Amino acid sequence: MIQSVIETKLSEAFAPEHLEVLNESYMHNVPEGSESHFKVVIVSDEFESKRLIARHRAVNQVLAEELANHIHALSIHTYTKSEWAESGNAPDSPMCMGGGK
């Protein structure tokens, strides 16, 4: 199961205070039960003093194998503890607009 692999790898790499890995494949034109579109919300001390692009690169590096072989789309939302305390949630993902839906 790709979702559990993502959760394990991100937990080991970032020791997050908060981690959500959401399979959003159902929002896209893919077969039922697919694991191809994910949203990651991660809150970690590892992101302190790092720019957004560096945070995303770090997540992409940890998930390089999955991105190359299994994941079609990955929405990444990275926060420090203080950023998360301010916002408390990540933005909702839009429904797919293409692919025949």
PDB file of N, CA and C in Angstrom:
ATOM      1  N   MET A   1       0.836  -1.173   0.000  1.00  0.00           N
ATOM      2  CA  MET A   1       0.000   0.000   0.000  1.00  0.00           C
ATOM      3  C   MET A   1       0.892   1.252   0.000  1.00  0.00           C
ATOM      4  N   ILE A   2       0.786   2.048  -1.027  1.00  0.00           N
ATOM      5  CA  ILE A   2       1.644   3.217  -1.209  1.00  0.00           C
ATOM      6  C   ILE A   2       1.449   4.220  -0.083  1.00  0.00           C
ATOM      7  N   GLN A   3       0.220   4.423   0.353  1.00  0.00           N
ATOM      8  CA  GLN A   3      -0.054   5.397   1.408  1.00  0.00           C
ATOM      9  C   GLN A   3       0.749   5.086   2.672  1.00  0.00           C
ATOM     10  N   SER A   4       0.789   3.837   3.073  1.00  0.00           N
ATOM     11  CA  SER A   4       1.523   3.480   4.290  1.00  0.00           C
ATOM     12  C   SER A   4       3.032   3.617   4.102  1.00  0.00           C
ATOM     13  N   VAL A   5       3.525   3.379   2.899  1.00  0.00           N
ATOM     14  CA  VAL A   5       4.946   3.579   2.614  1.00  0.00           C
ATOM     15  C   VAL A   5       5.294   5.059   2.755  1.00  0.00           C
ATOM     16  N   ILE A   6       4.446   5.925   2.213  1.00  0.00           N
ATOM     17  CA  ILE A   6       4.662   7.371   2.318  1.00  0.00           C
ATOM     18  C   ILE A   6       4.676   7.783   3.788  1.00  0.00           C
ATOM     19  N   GLU A   7       3.703   7.320   4.557  1.00  0.00           N
ATOM     20  CA  GLU A   7       3.627   7.667   5.975  1.00  0.00           C
ATOM     21  C   GLU A   7       4.886   7.228   6.721  1.00  0.00           C
ATOM     22  N   THR A   8       5.340   6.014   6.470  1.00  0.00           N
ATOM     23  CA  THR A   8       6.525   5.492   7.145  1.00  0.00           C
ATOM     24  C   THR A   8       7.762   6.294   6.789  1.00  0.00           C
ATOM     25  N   LYS A   9       7.974   6.537   5.504  1.00  0.00           N
ATOM     26  CA  LYS A   9       9.172   7.261   5.083  1.00  0.00           C
ATOM     27  C   LYS A   9       9.201   8.691   5.623  1.00  0.00           C
ATOM     28  N   LEU A  10       8.077   9.373   5.578  1.00  0.00           N
ATOM     29  CA  LEU A  10       8.035  10.752   6.075  1.00  0.00           C
ATOM     30  C   LEU A  10       8.194  10.795   7.598  1.00  0.00           C
ATOM     31  N   SER A  11       7.625   9.838   8.293  1.00  0.00           N
ATOM     32  CA  SER A  11       7.780   9.777   9.751  1.00  0.00           C
ATOM     33  C   SER A  11       9.231   9.560  10.138  1.00  0.00           C
ATOM     34  N   GLU A  12       9.898   8.673   9.435  1.00  0.00           N
ATOM     35  CA  GLU A  12      11.297   8.382   9.741  1.00  0.00           C
ATOM     36  C   GLU A  12      12.207   9.558   9.391  1.00  0.00           C
ATOM     37  N   ALA A  13      11.915  10.246   8.305  1.00  0.00           N
ATOM     38  CA  ALA A  13      12.785  11.329   7.845  1.00  0.00           C
ATOM     39  C   ALA A  13      12.598  12.636   8.605  1.00  0.00           C
ATOM     40  N   PHE A  14      11.365  12.926   9.035  1.00  0.00           N
ATOM     41  CA  PHE A  14      11.075  14.242   9.586  1.00  0.00           C
ATOM     42  C   PHE A  14      10.587  14.244  11.032  1.00  0.00           C
ATOM     43  N   ALA A  15      10.345  13.092  11.628  1.00  0.00           N
ATOM     44  CA  ALA A  15       9.817  13.010  12.995  1.00  0.00           C
ATOM     45  C   ALA A  15       8.736  14.076  13.204  1.00  0.00           C
ATOM     46  N   PRO A  16       7.685  14.030  12.401  1.00  0.00           N
ATOM     47  CA  PRO A  16       6.692  15.108  12.440  1.00  0.00           C
ATOM     48  C   PRO A  16       5.853  15.136  13.713  1.00  0.00           C
ATOM     49  N   GLU A  17       5.460  16.351  14.077  1.00  0.00           N
ATOM     50  CA  GLU A  17       4.501  16.531  15.161  1.00  0.00           C
ATOM     51  C   GLU A  17       3.103  16.193  14.664  1.00  0.00           C
ATOM     52  N   HIS A  18       2.884  16.444  13.376  1.00  0.00           N
ATOM     53  CA  HIS A  18       1.593  16.156  12.750  1.00  0.00           C
ATOM     54  C   HIS A  18       1.871  15.667  11.330  1.00  0.00           C
ATOM     55  N   LEU A  19       1.207  14.602  10.923  1.00  0.00           N
ATOM     56  CA  LEU A  19       1.357  14.068   9.575  1.00  0.00           C
ATOM     57  C   LEU A  19       0.018  13.538   9.089  1.00  0.00           C
ATOM     58  N   GLU A  20      -0.377  14.010   7.919  1.00  0.00           N
ATOM     59  CA  GLU A  20      -1.558  13.481   7.237  1.00  0.00           C
ATOM     60  C   GLU A  20      -1.123  13.090   5.833  1.00  0.00           C
ATOM     61  N   VAL A  21      -1.434  11.894   5.440  1.00  0.00           N
ATOM     62  CA  VAL A  21      -1.217  11.442   4.069  1.00  0.00           C
ATOM     63  C   VAL A  21      -2.583  11.003   3.564  1.00  0.00           C
ATOM     64  N   LEU A  22      -3.135  11.802   2.671  1.00  0.00           N
ATOM     65  CA  LEU A  22      -4.481  11.565   2.170  1.00  0.00           C
ATOM     66  C   LEU A  22      -4.443  11.066   0.734  1.00  0.00           C
ATOM     67  N   ASN A  23      -5.074   9.937   0.494  1.00  0.00           N
ATOM     68  CA  ASN A  23      -5.200   9.410  -0.862  1.00  0.00           C
ATOM     69  C   ASN A  23      -6.360  10.149  -1.526  1.00  0.00           C
ATOM     70  N   GLU A  24      -6.035  11.032  -2.455  1.00  0.00           N
ATOM     71  CA  GLU A  24      -7.055  11.817  -3.145  1.00  0.00           C
ATOM     72  C   GLU A  24      -7.316  11.309  -4.556  1.00  0.00           C
ATOM     73  N   SER A  25      -6.943  10.083  -4.810  1.00  0.00           N
ATOM     74  CA  SER A  25      -7.135   9.502  -6.141  1.00  0.00           C
ATOM     75  C   SER A  25      -8.597   9.489  -6.558  1.00  0.00           C
ATOM     76  N   TYR A  26      -9.502   9.311  -5.593  1.00  0.00           N
ATOM     77  CA  TYR A  26     -10.933   9.275  -5.902  1.00  0.00           C
ATOM     78  C   TYR A  26     -11.420  10.577  -6.544  1.00  0.00           C
ATOM     79  N   MET A  27     -10.654  11.655  -6.392  1.00  0.00           N
ATOM     80  CA  MET A  27     -11.034  12.955  -6.948  1.00  0.00           C
ATOM     81  C   MET A  27     -10.618  13.095  -8.411  1.00  0.00           C
ATOM     82  N   HIS A  28     -10.011  12.055  -8.966  1.00  0.00           N
ATOM     83  CA  HIS A  28      -9.460  12.095 -10.314  1.00  0.00           C
ATOM     84  C   HIS A  28     -10.012  10.949 -11.159  1.00  0.00           C
ATOM     85  N   ASN A  29      -9.782  11.024 -12.431  1.00  0.00           N
ATOM     86  CA  ASN A  29     -10.284  10.034 -13.367  1.00  0.00           C
ATOM     87  C   ASN A  29      -9.331   8.833 -13.417  1.00  0.00           C
ATOM     88  N   VAL A  30      -9.372   8.036 -12.355  1.00  0.00           N
ATOM     89  CA  VAL A  30      -8.529   6.845 -12.248  1.00  0.00           C
ATOM     90  C   VAL A  30      -9.406   5.686 -11.785  1.00  0.00           C
ATOM     91  N   PRO A  31      -8.956   4.457 -11.971  1.00  0.00           N
ATOM     92  CA  PRO A  31      -9.753   3.311 -11.517  1.00  0.00           C
ATOM     93  C   PRO A  31      -9.983   3.343 -10.005  1.00  0.00           C
ATOM     94  N   GLU A  32     -11.129   2.844  -9.583  1.00  0.00           N
ATOM     95  CA  GLU A  32     -11.460   2.781  -8.162  1.00  0.00           C
ATOM     96  C   GLU A  32     -10.377   2.001  -7.420  1.00  0.00           C
ATOM     97  N   GLY A  33     -10.008   2.497  -6.253  1.00  0.00           N
ATOM     98  CA  GLY A  33      -8.980   1.848  -5.447  1.00  0.00           C
ATOM     99  C   GLY A  33      -7.557   2.257  -5.794  1.00  0.00           C
ATOM    100  N   SER A  34      -7.397   3.188  -6.715  1.00  0.00           N
ATOM    101  CA  SER A  34      -6.065   3.639  -7.126  1.00  0.00           C
ATOM    102  C   SER A  34      -5.352   4.369  -5.997  1.00  0.00           C
ATOM    103  N   GLU A  35      -4.047   4.321  -6.039  1.00  0.00           N
ATOM    104  CA  GLU A  35      -3.188   5.082  -5.138  1.00  0.00           C
ATOM    105  C   GLU A  35      -2.196   5.857  -6.003  1.00  0.00           C
ATOM    106  N   SER A  36      -2.675   6.934  -6.595  1.00  0.00           N
ATOM    107  CA  SER A  36      -1.838   7.677  -7.529  1.00  0.00           C
ATOM    108  C   SER A  36      -1.771   9.170  -7.237  1.00  0.00           C
ATOM    109  N   HIS A  37      -2.720   9.692  -6.485  1.00  0.00           N
ATOM    110  CA  HIS A  37      -2.796  11.120  -6.173  1.00  0.00           C
ATOM    111  C   HIS A  37      -2.860  11.278  -4.648  1.00  0.00           C
ATOM    112  N   PHE A  38      -1.885  11.992  -4.087  1.00  0.00           N
ATOM    113  CA  PHE A  38      -1.818  12.131  -2.641  1.00  0.00           C
ATOM    114  C   PHE A  38      -1.641  13.585  -2.218  1.00  0.00           C
ATOM    115  N   LYS A  39      -2.120  13.855  -1.021  1.00  0.00           N
ATOM    116  CA  LYS A  39      -1.909  15.136  -0.362  1.00  0.00           C
ATOM    117  C   LYS A  39      -1.180  14.836   0.942  1.00  0.00           C
ATOM    118  N   VAL A  40      -0.086  15.557   1.172  1.00  0.00           N
ATOM    119  CA  VAL A  40       0.702  15.387   2.385  1.00  0.00           C
ATOM    120  C   VAL A  40       0.668  16.694   3.171  1.00  0.00           C
ATOM    121  N   VAL A  41       0.320  16.582   4.436  1.00  0.00           N
ATOM    122  CA  VAL A  41       0.384  17.706   5.369  1.00  0.00           C
ATOM    123  C   VAL A  41       1.348  17.273   6.460  1.00  0.00           C
ATOM    124  N   ILE A  42       2.441  18.026   6.615  1.00  0.00           N
ATOM    125  CA  ILE A  42       3.468  17.612   7.563  1.00  0.00           C
ATOM    126  C   ILE A  42       3.976  18.817   8.358  1.00  0.00           C
ATOM    127  N   VAL A  43       4.022  18.635   9.669  1.00  0.00           N
ATOM    128  CA  VAL A  43       4.495  19.668  10.594  1.00  0.00           C
ATOM    129  C   VAL A  43       5.731  19.112  11.289  1.00  0.00           C
ATOM    130  N   SER A  44       6.857  19.810  11.115  1.00  0.00           N
ATOM    131  CA  SER A  44       8.109  19.281  11.651  1.00  0.00           C
ATOM    132  C   SER A  44       9.087  20.399  12.009  1.00  0.00           C
ATOM    133  N   ASP A  45       9.876  20.140  13.047  1.00  0.00           N
ATOM    134  CA  ASP A  45      10.966  21.062  13.397  1.00  0.00           C
ATOM    135  C   ASP A  45      12.006  21.133  12.284  1.00  0.00           C
ATOM    136  N   GLU A  46      12.067  20.123  11.441  1.00  0.00           N
ATOM    137  CA  GLU A  46      13.018  20.087  10.333  1.00  0.00           C
ATOM    138  C   GLU A  46      12.813  21.245   9.352  1.00  0.00           C
ATOM    139  N   PHE A  47      11.644  21.855   9.369  1.00  0.00           N
ATOM    140  CA  PHE A  47      11.335  22.921   8.423  1.00  0.00           C
ATOM    141  C   PHE A  47      11.675  24.313   8.942  1.00  0.00           C
ATOM    142  N   GLU A  48      12.086  24.398  10.204  1.00  0.00           N
ATOM    143  CA  GLU A  48      12.476  25.694  10.765  1.00  0.00           C
ATOM    144  C   GLU A  48      13.590  26.313   9.924  1.00  0.00           C
ATOM    145  N   SER A  49      13.443  27.568   9.622  1.00  0.00           N
ATOM    146  CA  SER A  49      14.412  28.381   8.865  1.00  0.00           C
ATOM    147  C   SER A  49      14.674  27.868   7.441  1.00  0.00           C
ATOM    148  N   LYS A  50      13.788  27.025   6.917  1.00  0.00           N
ATOM    149  CA  LYS A  50      13.915  26.561   5.530  1.00  0.00           C
ATOM    150  C   LYS A  50      12.820  27.195   4.690  1.00  0.00           C
ATOM    151  N   ARG A  51      13.198  27.615   3.505  1.00  0.00           N
ATOM    152  CA  ARG A  51      12.227  28.174   2.582  1.00  0.00           C
ATOM    153  C   ARG A  51      11.328  27.059   2.056  1.00  0.00           C
ATOM    154  N   LEU A  52      10.181  27.455   1.541  1.00  0.00           N
ATOM    155  CA  LEU A  52       9.198  26.493   1.048  1.00  0.00           C
ATOM    156  C   LEU A  52       9.791  25.541   0.018  1.00  0.00           C
ATOM    157  N   ILE A  53      10.558  26.057  -0.916  1.00  0.00           N
ATOM    158  CA  ILE A  53      11.139  25.201  -1.968  1.00  0.00           C
ATOM    159  C   ILE A  53      12.082  24.150  -1.370  1.00  0.00           C
ATOM    160  N   ALA A  54      12.835  24.515  -0.347  1.00  0.00           N
ATOM    161  CA  ALA A  54      13.737  23.554   0.307  1.00  0.00           C
ATOM    162  C   ALA A  54      12.947  22.475   1.037  1.00  0.00           C
ATOM    163  N   ARG A  55      11.828  22.856   1.640  1.00  0.00           N
ATOM    164  CA  ARG A  55      10.978  21.891   2.334  1.00  0.00           C
ATOM    165  C   ARG A  55      10.407  20.884   1.334  1.00  0.00           C
ATOM    166  N   HIS A  56       9.906  21.415   0.220  1.00  0.00           N
ATOM    167  CA  HIS A  56       9.308  20.535  -0.795  1.00  0.00           C
ATOM    168  C   HIS A  56      10.363  19.626  -1.415  1.00  0.00           C
ATOM    169  N   ARG A  57      11.539  20.159  -1.670  1.00  0.00           N
ATOM    170  CA  ARG A  57      12.622  19.322  -2.210  1.00  0.00           C
ATOM    171  C   ARG A  57      12.977  18.197  -1.244  1.00  0.00           C
ATOM    172  N   ALA A  58      12.983  18.488   0.038  1.00  0.00           N
ATOM    173  CA  ALA A  58      13.301  17.469   1.038  1.00  0.00           C
ATOM    174  C   ALA A  58      12.258  16.346   1.022  1.00  0.00           C
ATOM    175  N   VAL A  59      10.986  16.719   0.948  1.00  0.00           N
ATOM    176  CA  VAL A  59       9.921  15.711   0.873  1.00  0.00           C
ATOM    177  C   VAL A  59      10.050  14.912  -0.419  1.00  0.00           C
ATOM    178  N   ASN A  60      10.261  15.604  -1.530  1.00  0.00           N
ATOM    179  CA  ASN A  60      10.414  14.918  -2.821  1.00  0.00           C
ATOM    180  C   ASN A  60      11.592  13.954  -2.807  1.00  0.00           C
ATOM    181  N   GLN A  61      12.672  14.339  -2.159  1.00  0.00           N
ATOM    182  CA  GLN A  61      13.849  13.471  -2.094  1.00  0.00           C
ATOM    183  C   GLN A  61      13.537  12.189  -1.313  1.00  0.00           C
ATOM    184  N   VAL A  62      12.852  12.324  -0.200  1.00  0.00           N
ATOM    185  CA  VAL A  62      12.489  11.160   0.616  1.00  0.00           C
ATOM    186  C   VAL A  62      11.573  10.215  -0.163  1.00  0.00           C
ATOM    187  N   LEU A  63      10.705  10.789  -0.987  1.00  0.00           N
ATOM    188  CA  LEU A  63       9.724   9.985  -1.736  1.00  0.00           C
ATOM    189  C   LEU A  63      10.117   9.786  -3.203  1.00  0.00           C
ATOM    190  N   ALA A  64      11.384   9.927  -3.527  1.00  0.00           N
ATOM    191  CA  ALA A  64      11.850   9.866  -4.917  1.00  0.00           C
ATOM    192  C   ALA A  64      11.431   8.575  -5.621  1.00  0.00           C
ATOM    193  N   GLU A  65      11.573   7.444  -4.969  1.00  0.00           N
ATOM    194  CA  GLU A  65      11.220   6.164  -5.593  1.00  0.00           C
ATOM    195  C   GLU A  65       9.721   6.089  -5.882  1.00  0.00           C
ATOM    196  N   GLU A  66       8.912   6.496  -4.933  1.00  0.00           N
ATOM    197  CA  GLU A  66       7.464   6.461  -5.116  1.00  0.00           C
ATOM    198  C   GLU A  66       7.019   7.439  -6.209  1.00  0.00           C
ATOM    199  N   LEU A  67       7.632   8.609  -6.238  1.00  0.00           N
ATOM    200  CA  LEU A  67       7.293   9.594  -7.269  1.00  0.00           C
ATOM    201  C   LEU A  67       7.681   9.098  -8.664  1.00  0.00           C
ATOM    202  N   ALA A  68       8.773   8.380  -8.747  1.00  0.00           N
ATOM    203  CA  ALA A  68       9.238   7.870 -10.039  1.00  0.00           C
ATOM    204  C   ALA A  68       8.415   6.680 -10.531  1.00  0.00           C
ATOM    205  N   ASN A  69       7.836   5.922  -9.601  1.00  0.00           N
ATOM    206  CA  ASN A  69       7.219   4.660  -9.992  1.00  0.00           C
ATOM    207  C   ASN A  69       5.730   4.501  -9.692  1.00  0.00           C
ATOM    208  N   HIS A  70       5.193   5.261  -8.751  1.00  0.00           N
ATOM    209  CA  HIS A  70       3.825   4.981  -8.308  1.00  0.00           C
ATOM    210  C   HIS A  70       2.908   6.204  -8.242  1.00  0.00           C
ATOM    211  N   ILE A  71       3.460   7.334  -7.860  1.00  0.00           N
ATOM    212  CA  ILE A  71       2.645   8.523  -7.600  1.00  0.00           C
ATOM    213  C   ILE A  71       2.559   9.388  -8.846  1.00  0.00           C
ATOM    214  N   HIS A  72       1.346   9.716  -9.249  1.00  0.00           N
ATOM    215  CA  HIS A  72       1.138  10.601 -10.393  1.00  0.00           C
ATOM    216  C   HIS A  72       1.154  12.065  -9.957  1.00  0.00           C
ATOM    217  N   ALA A  73       0.585  12.357  -8.783  1.00  0.00           N
ATOM    218  CA  ALA A  73       0.503  13.737  -8.293  1.00  0.00           C
ATOM    219  C   ALA A  73       0.645  13.747  -6.777  1.00  0.00           C
ATOM    220  N   LEU A  74       1.396  14.746  -6.297  1.00  0.00           N
ATOM    221  CA  LEU A  74       1.617  14.878  -4.860  1.00  0.00           C
ATOM    222  C   LEU A  74       1.469  16.346  -4.478  1.00  0.00           C
ATOM    223  N   SER A  75       0.491  16.624  -3.646  1.00  0.00           N
ATOM    224  CA  SER A  75       0.277  17.960  -3.098  1.00  0.00           C
ATOM    225  C   SER A  75       0.981  18.004  -1.745  1.00  0.00           C
ATOM    226  N   ILE A  76       1.910  18.940  -1.571  1.00  0.00           N
ATOM    227  CA  ILE A  76       2.726  18.990  -0.361  1.00  0.00           C
ATOM    228  C   ILE A  76       2.435  20.274   0.402  1.00  0.00           C
ATOM    229  N   HIS A  77       2.115  20.114   1.684  1.00  0.00           N
ATOM    230  CA  HIS A  77       1.883  21.256   2.570  1.00  0.00           C
ATOM    231  C   HIS A  77       2.771  21.067   3.791  1.00  0.00           C
ATOM    232  N   THR A  78       3.812  21.894   3.895  1.00  0.00           N
ATOM    233  CA  THR A  78       4.788  21.771   4.974  1.00  0.00           C
ATOM    234  C   THR A  78       4.671  22.967   5.914  1.00  0.00           C
ATOM    235  N   TYR A  79       4.777  22.685   7.212  1.00  0.00           N
ATOM    236  CA  TYR A  79       4.633  23.728   8.219  1.00  0.00           C
ATOM    237  C   TYR A  79       5.624  23.532   9.361  1.00  0.00           C
ATOM    238  N   THR A  80       6.042  24.641   9.947  1.00  0.00           N
ATOM    239  CA  THR A  80       6.725  24.583  11.232  1.00  0.00           C
ATOM    240  C   THR A  80       5.628  24.507  12.298  1.00  0.00           C
ATOM    241  N   LYS A  81       6.007  24.240  13.527  1.00  0.00           N
ATOM    242  CA  LYS A  81       5.009  24.167  14.601  1.00  0.00           C
ATOM    243  C   LYS A  81       4.269  25.494  14.754  1.00  0.00           C
ATOM    244  N   SER A  82       4.991  26.600  14.670  1.00  0.00           N
ATOM    245  CA  SER A  82       4.334  27.898  14.848  1.00  0.00           C
ATOM    246  C   SER A  82       3.418  28.223  13.673  1.00  0.00           C
ATOM    247  N   GLU A  83       3.817  27.865  12.462  1.00  0.00           N
ATOM    248  CA  GLU A  83       2.955  28.076  11.299  1.00  0.00           C
ATOM    249  C   GLU A  83       1.667  27.254  11.421  1.00  0.00           C
ATOM    250  N   TRP A  84       1.817  26.024  11.876  1.00  0.00           N
ATOM    251  CA  TRP A  84       0.661  25.149  12.031  1.00  0.00           C
ATOM    252  C   TRP A  84      -0.268  25.670  13.128  1.00  0.00           C
ATOM    253  N   ALA A  85       0.320  26.181  14.209  1.00  0.00           N
ATOM    254  CA  ALA A  85      -0.481  26.734  15.293  1.00  0.00           C
ATOM    255  C   ALA A  85      -1.315  27.914  14.799  1.00  0.00           C
ATOM    256  N   GLU A  86      -0.769  28.685  13.869  1.00  0.00           N
ATOM    257  CA  GLU A  86      -1.495  29.829  13.311  1.00  0.00           C
ATOM    258  C   GLU A  86      -2.617  29.391  12.371  1.00  0.00           C
ATOM    259  N   SER A  87      -2.318  28.450  11.473  1.00  0.00           N
ATOM    260  CA  SER A  87      -3.300  28.067  10.448  1.00  0.00           C
ATOM    261  C   SER A  87      -4.196  26.921  10.908  1.00  0.00           C
ATOM    262  N   GLY A  88      -3.605  25.894  11.497  1.00  0.00           N
ATOM    263  CA  GLY A  88      -4.376  24.770  11.996  1.00  0.00           C
ATOM    264  C   GLY A  88      -4.876  23.792  10.954  1.00  0.00           C
ATOM    265  N   ASN A  89      -4.739  24.155   9.664  1.00  0.00           N
ATOM    266  CA  ASN A  89      -5.154  23.216   8.621  1.00  0.00           C
ATOM    267  C   ASN A  89      -4.547  23.603   7.284  1.00  0.00           C
ATOM    268  N   ALA A  90      -4.546  22.667   6.393  1.00  0.00           N
ATOM    269  CA  ALA A  90      -4.055  22.891   5.030  1.00  0.00           C
ATOM    270  C   ALA A  90      -5.253  23.195   4.133  1.00  0.00           C
ATOM    271  N   PRO A  91      -5.004  23.862   3.014  1.00  0.00           N
ATOM    272  CA  PRO A  91      -6.123  24.152   2.109  1.00  0.00           C
ATOM    273  C   PRO A  91      -6.709  22.878   1.504  1.00  0.00           C
ATOM    274  N   ASP A  92      -7.997  22.934   1.194  1.00  0.00           N
ATOM    275  CA  ASP A  92      -8.651  21.819   0.520  1.00  0.00           C
ATOM    276  C   ASP A  92      -8.121  21.681  -0.898  1.00  0.00           C
ATOM    277  N   SER A  93      -8.071  20.474  -1.377  1.00  0.00           N
ATOM    278  CA  SER A  93      -7.663  20.219  -2.759  1.00  0.00           C
ATOM    279  C   SER A  93      -8.864  20.372  -3.677  1.00  0.00           C
ATOM    280  N   PRO A  94      -8.652  20.916  -4.869  1.00  0.00           N
ATOM    281  CA  PRO A  94      -9.772  21.024  -5.813  1.00  0.00           C
ATOM    282  C   PRO A  94     -10.078  19.681  -6.455  1.00  0.00           C
ATOM    283  N   MET A  95     -11.288  19.507  -6.912  1.00  0.00           N
ATOM    284  CA  MET A  95     -11.637  18.324  -7.672  1.00  0.00           C
ATOM    285  C   MET A  95     -10.926  18.401  -9.021  1.00  0.00           C
ATOM    286  N   CYS A  96     -10.663  17.263  -9.619  1.00  0.00           N
ATOM    287  CA  CYS A  96     -10.009  17.188 -10.919  1.00  0.00           C
ATOM    288  C   CYS A  96     -10.882  17.857 -11.973  1.00  0.00           C
ATOM    289  N   MET A  97     -10.252  18.638 -12.842  1.00  0.00           N
ATOM    290  CA  MET A  97     -10.988  19.329 -13.897  1.00  0.00           C
ATOM    291  C   MET A  97     -10.802  18.658 -15.257  1.00  0.00           C
ATOM    292  N   GLY A  98      -9.889  17.697 -15.344  1.00  0.00           N
ATOM    293  CA  GLY A  98      -9.591  17.096 -16.635  1.00  0.00           C
ATOM    294  C   GLY A  98      -9.782  15.596 -16.623  1.00  0.00           C
ATOM    295  N   GLY A  99      -9.269  14.974 -17.652  1.00  0.00           N
ATOM    296  CA  GLY A  99      -9.292  13.524 -17.735  1.00  0.00           C
ATOM    297  C   GLY A  99     -10.656  12.921 -17.937  1.00  0.00           C
ATOM    298  N   GLY A 100     -11.586  13.688 -18.482  1.00  0.00           N
ATOM    299  CA  GLY A 100     -12.887  13.133 -18.805  1.00  0.00           C
ATOM    300  C   GLY A 100     -13.907  13.180 -17.700  1.00  0.00           C
ATOM    301  N   LYS A 101     -13.617  13.849 -16.615  1.00  0.00           N
ATOM    302  CA  LYS A 101     -14.608  13.939 -15.514  1.00  0.00           C
ATOM    303  C   LYS A 101     -15.458  15.160 -15.671  1.00  0.00           C
TER     304      LYS A 101
END
